[in-house]
């Protein structure tokens, strides 16, 4: 992990060369997170609103992982990673396999591109043929097998990140930590945490914020902050010191960064606060917390 303050965008926005070029101009970020990318190209959930933010900053999305898949990564991945590196940023590519072996295939490609693979094992927003796909974060055998394939078989010794789902059962946090600890040396960071699954939100007049995927979506933003922050605190207590903890959820300013740092996070990812307005100044404002703590 890079020494010093770690600040970056969360996965979900930067999926093209143009997006990476825009983030490369932001002086305060240390990493650029691209993706998530899947094996096959995906249109995602279409036909209506699939992302929105409530007035309090809580966001829901049912994007469904739209991306260009391996074909786009093979064609444009070298340029995307080069843009990040030339700007002094560490390239990170989020990958979302639909099973452990797919994660291995994707992670190998990412490592060949010279980027860190962030394993998105917690996306709840994938619906194919009317059926919601399972979330690997909640399947302990698949989660451990995914890390086994990536860390010990596909990309042994290379730095890997894993972004887990939120867990409501305290004992599940202990299980996740025990699995992570088996991969010290390859697992560089644990990101806590992904969106909360299957949340429905409504406007004041009763209209759903989203009208795709039956208004079930992953919740992020303001309402996720204290859940995610508390889980990060527990991970820092349970996870080997050789694995960094990165916070994600409700980060929109320096106070949020300071809170995550207080519980032991080396850095944070900013998602909803940036995605809605695409205001790059949010990274500059958040970075001020690192300067104040110095």
Protein backbone atom coordinates (compact mmCIF):
# COMPACT_ATOMS: atom_id res chain seq x y z
CA UNK A 1 0.00 0.00 0.00
CA UNK A 2 1.20 3.50 -0.81
CA UNK A 3 2.56 5.28 2.24
CA UNK A 4 0.84 8.45 3.34
CA UNK A 5 -2.78 9.54 2.74
CA UNK A 6 -4.77 7.32 0.39
CA UNK A 7 -7.71 8.89 -1.44
CA UNK A 8 -9.55 7.70 -4.52
CA UNK A 9 -12.83 7.36 -6.33
CA UNK A 10 -14.94 4.27 -5.71
CA UNK A 11 -15.65 1.80 -8.47
CA UNK A 12 -18.71 2.46 -10.61
CA UNK A 13 -17.85 5.59 -12.61
CA UNK A 14 -14.49 5.30 -14.39
CA UNK A 15 -15.08 2.74 -17.12
CA UNK A 16 -13.65 4.52 -20.15
CA UNK A 17 -10.40 6.11 -21.25
CA UNK A 18 -12.06 9.53 -21.03
CA UNK A 19 -13.11 8.95 -17.42
CA UNK A 20 -9.59 7.92 -16.42
CA UNK A 21 -8.12 10.95 -18.20
CA UNK A 22 -10.46 13.23 -16.21
CA UNK A 23 -9.52 11.66 -12.86
CA UNK A 24 -5.83 11.82 -13.72
CA UNK A 25 -6.10 15.61 -13.58
CA UNK A 26 -7.25 15.58 -9.94
CA UNK A 27 -4.13 16.36 -7.88
CA UNK A 28 -5.33 15.05 -4.52
CA UNK A 29 -6.20 11.47 -5.43
CA UNK A 30 -3.56 8.78 -5.11
CA UNK A 31 -5.34 5.92 -6.91
CA UNK A 32 -7.76 5.72 -9.82
CA UNK A 33 -10.31 2.92 -9.51
CA UNK A 34 -11.67 1.74 -12.86
CA UNK A 35 -14.63 -0.54 -13.45
CA UNK A 36 -16.20 -2.74 -12.34
CA UNK A 37 -15.49 -4.94 -15.36
CA UNK A 38 -17.03 -8.34 -16.05
CA UNK A 39 -16.04 -11.14 -18.43
CA UNK A 40 -18.66 -10.28 -21.05
CA UNK A 41 -19.74 -6.74 -21.99
CA UNK A 42 -22.94 -5.71 -20.21
CA UNK A 43 -25.51 -3.02 -20.92
CA UNK A 44 -26.61 -3.04 -17.29
CA UNK A 45 -30.16 -2.39 -16.13
CA UNK A 46 -31.81 -0.14 -18.68
CA UNK A 47 -35.23 1.29 -19.41
CA UNK A 48 -35.51 3.82 -16.60
CA UNK A 49 -33.76 5.56 -13.72
CA UNK A 50 -31.08 3.29 -12.24
CA UNK A 51 -29.23 5.78 -9.99
CA UNK A 52 -30.43 8.64 -7.80
CA UNK A 53 -29.59 10.46 -4.60
CA UNK A 54 -31.98 11.64 -1.90
CA UNK A 55 -31.70 15.17 -0.45
CA UNK A 56 -29.79 13.85 2.58
CA UNK A 57 -27.08 12.35 0.37
CA UNK A 58 -28.22 8.73 0.59
CA UNK A 59 -27.95 7.11 -2.83
CA UNK A 60 -29.38 4.01 -4.45
CA UNK A 61 -28.26 2.39 -7.65
CA UNK A 62 -29.30 -0.56 -9.71
CA UNK A 63 -26.89 0.04 -12.56
CA UNK A 64 -26.34 -3.66 -13.12
CA UNK A 65 -22.60 -3.40 -13.91
CA UNK A 66 -22.67 -1.75 -17.35
CA UNK A 67 -19.19 -2.11 -18.86
CA UNK A 68 -17.27 -3.15 -21.93
CA UNK A 69 -16.03 -6.42 -20.46
CA UNK A 70 -12.77 -8.13 -21.34
CA UNK A 71 -12.89 -6.88 -24.96
CA UNK A 72 -12.75 -3.25 -23.77
CA UNK A 73 -10.05 -3.99 -21.19
CA UNK A 74 -7.85 -5.74 -23.71
CA UNK A 75 -8.22 -2.89 -26.19
CA UNK A 76 -8.11 0.13 -23.89
CA UNK A 77 -6.73 -1.18 -20.59
CA UNK A 78 -3.08 -0.46 -21.46
CA UNK A 79 -3.90 3.17 -22.23
CA UNK A 80 -6.05 3.55 -19.11
CA UNK A 81 -3.33 2.25 -16.80
CA UNK A 82 -0.68 4.31 -18.57
CA UNK A 83 -2.70 7.52 -18.13
CA UNK A 84 -3.00 6.84 -14.40
CA UNK A 85 0.67 5.98 -13.98
CA UNK A 86 1.86 8.97 -16.00
CA UNK A 87 -0.16 11.18 -13.63
CA UNK A 88 1.50 9.58 -10.60
CA UNK A 89 -1.64 7.62 -9.65
CA UNK A 90 -1.81 3.92 -8.87
CA UNK A 91 -4.24 2.19 -11.27
CA UNK A 92 -6.80 -0.09 -9.64
CA UNK A 93 -9.27 -2.10 -11.72
CA UNK A 94 -12.39 -3.42 -10.04
CA UNK A 95 -13.54 -6.78 -11.38
CA UNK A 96 -16.84 -8.56 -10.86
CA UNK A 97 -16.89 -12.23 -11.71
CA UNK A 98 -19.98 -14.39 -11.54
CA UNK A 99 -18.04 -17.13 -9.78
CA UNK A 100 -14.56 -17.75 -8.38
CA UNK A 101 -13.01 -18.86 -11.69
CA UNK A 102 -14.21 -15.71 -13.44
CA UNK A 103 -12.50 -13.60 -10.80
CA UNK A 104 -9.30 -15.48 -11.52
CA UNK A 105 -9.53 -14.78 -15.24
CA UNK A 106 -10.25 -11.09 -14.70
CA UNK A 107 -7.60 -10.61 -12.01
CA UNK A 108 -4.93 -12.18 -14.23
CA UNK A 109 -5.75 -9.72 -17.00
CA UNK A 110 -5.68 -6.78 -14.57
CA UNK A 111 -2.30 -7.80 -13.19
CA UNK A 112 -0.94 -8.20 -16.72
CA UNK A 113 -2.00 -4.59 -17.31
CA UNK A 114 0.08 -3.49 -14.32
CA UNK A 115 -2.87 -2.57 -12.11
CA UNK A 116 -4.17 -3.72 -8.73
CA UNK A 117 -7.22 -5.98 -8.93
CA UNK A 118 -10.05 -4.97 -6.62
CA UNK A 119 -12.41 -7.91 -6.25
CA UNK A 120 -16.00 -6.69 -6.24
CA UNK A 121 -17.59 -9.62 -4.43
CA UNK A 122 -20.52 -7.59 -3.13
CA UNK A 123 -22.45 -6.07 -6.05
CA UNK A 124 -26.17 -6.70 -5.37
CA UNK A 125 -27.51 -5.14 -8.56
CA UNK A 126 -27.16 -7.83 -11.19
CA UNK A 127 -30.42 -9.17 -12.58
CA UNK A 128 -30.31 -11.53 -15.56
CA UNK A 129 -33.41 -13.05 -17.12
CA UNK A 130 -35.46 -11.60 -14.29
CA UNK A 131 -33.44 -13.33 -11.58
CA UNK A 132 -31.11 -11.63 -9.12
CA UNK A 133 -27.62 -13.13 -9.03
CA UNK A 134 -26.14 -14.36 -5.77
CA UNK A 135 -23.67 -12.18 -3.85
CA UNK A 136 -20.36 -13.96 -3.26
CA UNK A 137 -19.64 -11.98 -0.06
CA UNK A 138 -22.37 -13.96 1.68
CA UNK A 139 -21.17 -17.37 0.50
CA UNK A 140 -18.14 -18.27 2.64
CA UNK A 141 -17.00 -21.15 0.44
CA UNK A 142 -17.16 -19.06 -2.74
CA UNK A 143 -15.51 -16.08 -1.04
CA UNK A 144 -12.56 -18.13 0.18
CA UNK A 145 -12.30 -19.97 -3.13
CA UNK A 146 -12.27 -16.65 -4.99
CA UNK A 147 -9.38 -15.37 -2.89
CA UNK A 148 -7.61 -18.72 -3.20
CA UNK A 149 -7.81 -18.63 -6.99
CA UNK A 150 -6.79 -14.99 -7.31
CA UNK A 151 -4.10 -14.76 -4.62
CA UNK A 152 -2.54 -18.22 -4.88
CA UNK A 153 -3.25 -19.39 -8.42
CA UNK A 154 -4.01 -16.63 -10.91
CA UNK A 155 -1.82 -13.82 -9.55
CA UNK A 156 0.33 -15.26 -6.73
CA UNK A 157 2.22 -12.63 -4.77
CA UNK A 158 0.64 -9.68 -6.54
CA UNK A 159 -1.28 -7.08 -4.48
CA UNK A 160 -5.02 -7.65 -4.50
CA UNK A 161 -7.90 -5.80 -2.84
CA UNK A 162 -11.28 -7.21 -1.87
CA UNK A 163 -14.42 -5.12 -1.40
CA UNK A 164 -16.87 -6.90 0.86
CA UNK A 165 -20.58 -6.49 1.45
CA UNK A 166 -21.98 -5.04 4.69
CA UNK A 167 -22.72 -7.73 7.29
CA UNK A 168 -25.49 -7.38 9.84
CA UNK A 169 -24.48 -10.44 11.86
CA UNK A 170 -21.43 -9.52 14.01
CA UNK A 171 -20.10 -13.07 13.75
CA UNK A 172 -20.00 -12.71 9.97
CA UNK A 173 -17.44 -9.95 10.34
CA UNK A 174 -15.27 -12.39 12.26
CA UNK A 175 -15.69 -15.02 9.53
CA UNK A 176 -14.77 -12.52 6.82
CA UNK A 177 -11.70 -11.43 8.78
CA UNK A 178 -10.55 -15.03 9.30
CA UNK A 179 -10.79 -15.68 5.58
CA UNK A 180 -8.92 -12.47 4.73
CA UNK A 181 -6.14 -13.34 7.17
CA UNK A 182 -5.39 -16.51 5.23
CA UNK A 183 -4.12 -14.39 2.35
CA UNK A 184 -1.70 -12.02 4.07
CA UNK A 185 1.09 -11.23 1.63
CA UNK A 186 -1.15 -11.13 -1.44
CA UNK A 187 -4.27 -9.44 -0.07
CA UNK A 188 -3.07 -5.87 0.28
CA UNK A 189 -6.31 -4.18 1.32
CA UNK A 190 -9.83 -4.88 2.48
CA UNK A 191 -12.41 -2.27 1.45
CA UNK A 192 -15.36 -1.88 3.77
CA UNK A 193 -17.86 -1.87 2.40
CA UNK A 194 -20.01 -2.29 -0.70
CA UNK A 195 -23.62 -1.16 -0.99
CA UNK A 196 -26.41 -2.50 1.22
CA UNK A 197 -28.56 -4.85 -0.89
CA UNK A 198 -32.18 -4.54 -1.96
CA UNK A 199 -33.12 -1.14 -0.56
CA UNK A 200 -36.21 0.71 -1.82
CA UNK A 201 -36.37 4.51 -1.58
CA UNK A 202 -39.16 6.94 -2.45
CA UNK A 203 -39.73 10.60 -3.24
CA UNK A 204 -41.98 12.65 -0.95
CA UNK A 205 -44.89 12.09 -3.35
CA UNK A 206 -44.49 8.32 -3.15
CA UNK A 207 -42.74 7.79 -6.46
CA UNK A 208 -39.81 5.36 -6.26
CA UNK A 209 -36.38 6.88 -6.76
CA UNK A 210 -35.61 4.11 -9.21
CA UNK A 211 -37.86 2.40 -11.70
CA UNK A 212 -35.66 -0.46 -12.82
CA UNK A 213 -35.17 -3.84 -11.13
CA UNK A 214 -38.44 -3.36 -9.20
CA UNK A 215 -36.97 -0.43 -7.23
CA UNK A 216 -34.64 -2.75 -5.34
CA UNK A 217 -31.13 -1.32 -5.29
CA UNK A 218 -27.82 -1.06 -3.51
CA UNK A 219 -27.76 1.74 -0.94
CA UNK A 220 -24.70 3.96 -0.50
CA UNK A 221 -23.97 7.52 0.55
CA UNK A 222 -24.91 9.20 3.81
CA UNK A 223 -26.97 6.41 5.37
CA UNK A 224 -24.15 3.91 4.87
CA UNK A 225 -21.45 5.91 6.62
CA UNK A 226 -21.85 4.74 10.21
CA UNK A 227 -22.52 1.15 9.19
CA UNK A 228 -19.43 1.01 7.00
CA UNK A 229 -17.25 2.96 9.41
CA UNK A 230 -18.15 0.63 12.29
CA UNK A 231 -17.39 -2.41 10.18
CA UNK A 232 -14.03 -0.91 9.22
CA UNK A 233 -13.30 -0.37 12.91
CA UNK A 234 -14.01 -4.04 13.60
CA UNK A 235 -11.90 -5.17 10.65
CA UNK A 236 -8.99 -3.15 11.95
CA UNK A 237 -9.33 -5.04 15.25
CA UNK A 238 -9.58 -8.45 13.58
CA UNK A 239 -7.59 -8.31 10.36
CA UNK A 240 -3.82 -8.82 10.23
CA UNK A 241 -1.86 -5.56 10.27
CA UNK A 242 -0.34 -6.53 6.93
CA UNK A 243 -3.72 -5.93 5.29
CA UNK A 244 -4.79 -2.29 5.00
CA UNK A 245 -8.36 -1.22 5.66
CA UNK A 246 -9.93 1.29 3.26
CA UNK A 247 -13.22 3.00 4.06
CA UNK A 248 -16.08 3.43 1.60
CA UNK A 249 -19.55 4.68 2.35
CA UNK A 250 -20.84 8.19 2.97
CA UNK A 251 -17.57 10.02 2.36
CA UNK A 252 -18.29 13.53 1.13
CA UNK A 253 -15.94 15.82 3.05
CA UNK A 254 -13.04 16.13 5.48
CA UNK A 255 -15.10 15.18 8.55
CA UNK A 256 -15.92 11.83 6.98
CA UNK A 257 -12.30 11.18 6.06
CA UNK A 258 -11.23 12.05 9.62
CA UNK A 259 -13.83 9.66 11.05
CA UNK A 260 -12.64 6.77 8.92
CA UNK A 261 -9.02 7.53 9.74
CA UNK A 262 -9.93 7.59 13.44
CA UNK A 263 -11.00 3.93 13.32
CA UNK A 264 -7.84 2.81 11.55
CA UNK A 265 -8.48 3.22 7.83
CA UNK A 266 -5.43 4.14 5.79
CA UNK A 267 -7.60 5.84 3.22
CA UNK A 268 -11.05 6.18 1.71
CA UNK A 269 -13.00 5.85 -1.49
CA UNK A 270 -15.57 8.44 -2.58
CA UNK A 271 -18.55 7.21 -4.56
CA UNK A 272 -22.05 8.67 -4.28
CA UNK A 273 -20.90 12.20 -3.36
CA UNK A 274 -18.97 12.33 -6.63
CA UNK A 275 -21.15 10.23 -8.94
CA UNK A 276 -24.28 12.39 -8.67
CA UNK A 277 -22.74 15.74 -9.63
CA UNK A 278 -19.38 14.63 -11.05
CA UNK A 279 -17.88 17.46 -9.00
CA UNK A 280 -14.16 16.75 -8.84
CA UNK A 281 -13.69 19.31 -6.06
CA UNK A 282 -15.06 16.77 -3.58
CA UNK A 283 -11.65 15.08 -3.69
CA UNK A 284 -9.84 18.32 -2.91
CA UNK A 285 -12.17 19.07 -0.01
CA UNK A 286 -11.86 15.56 1.41
CA UNK A 287 -8.08 15.64 1.15
CA UNK A 288 -7.94 18.60 3.51
CA UNK A 289 -8.57 16.17 6.38
CA UNK A 290 -5.20 14.56 5.76
CA UNK A 291 -3.46 17.94 5.87
CA UNK A 292 -5.21 18.88 9.10
CA UNK A 293 -4.14 15.62 10.72
CA UNK A 294 -0.49 16.01 9.69
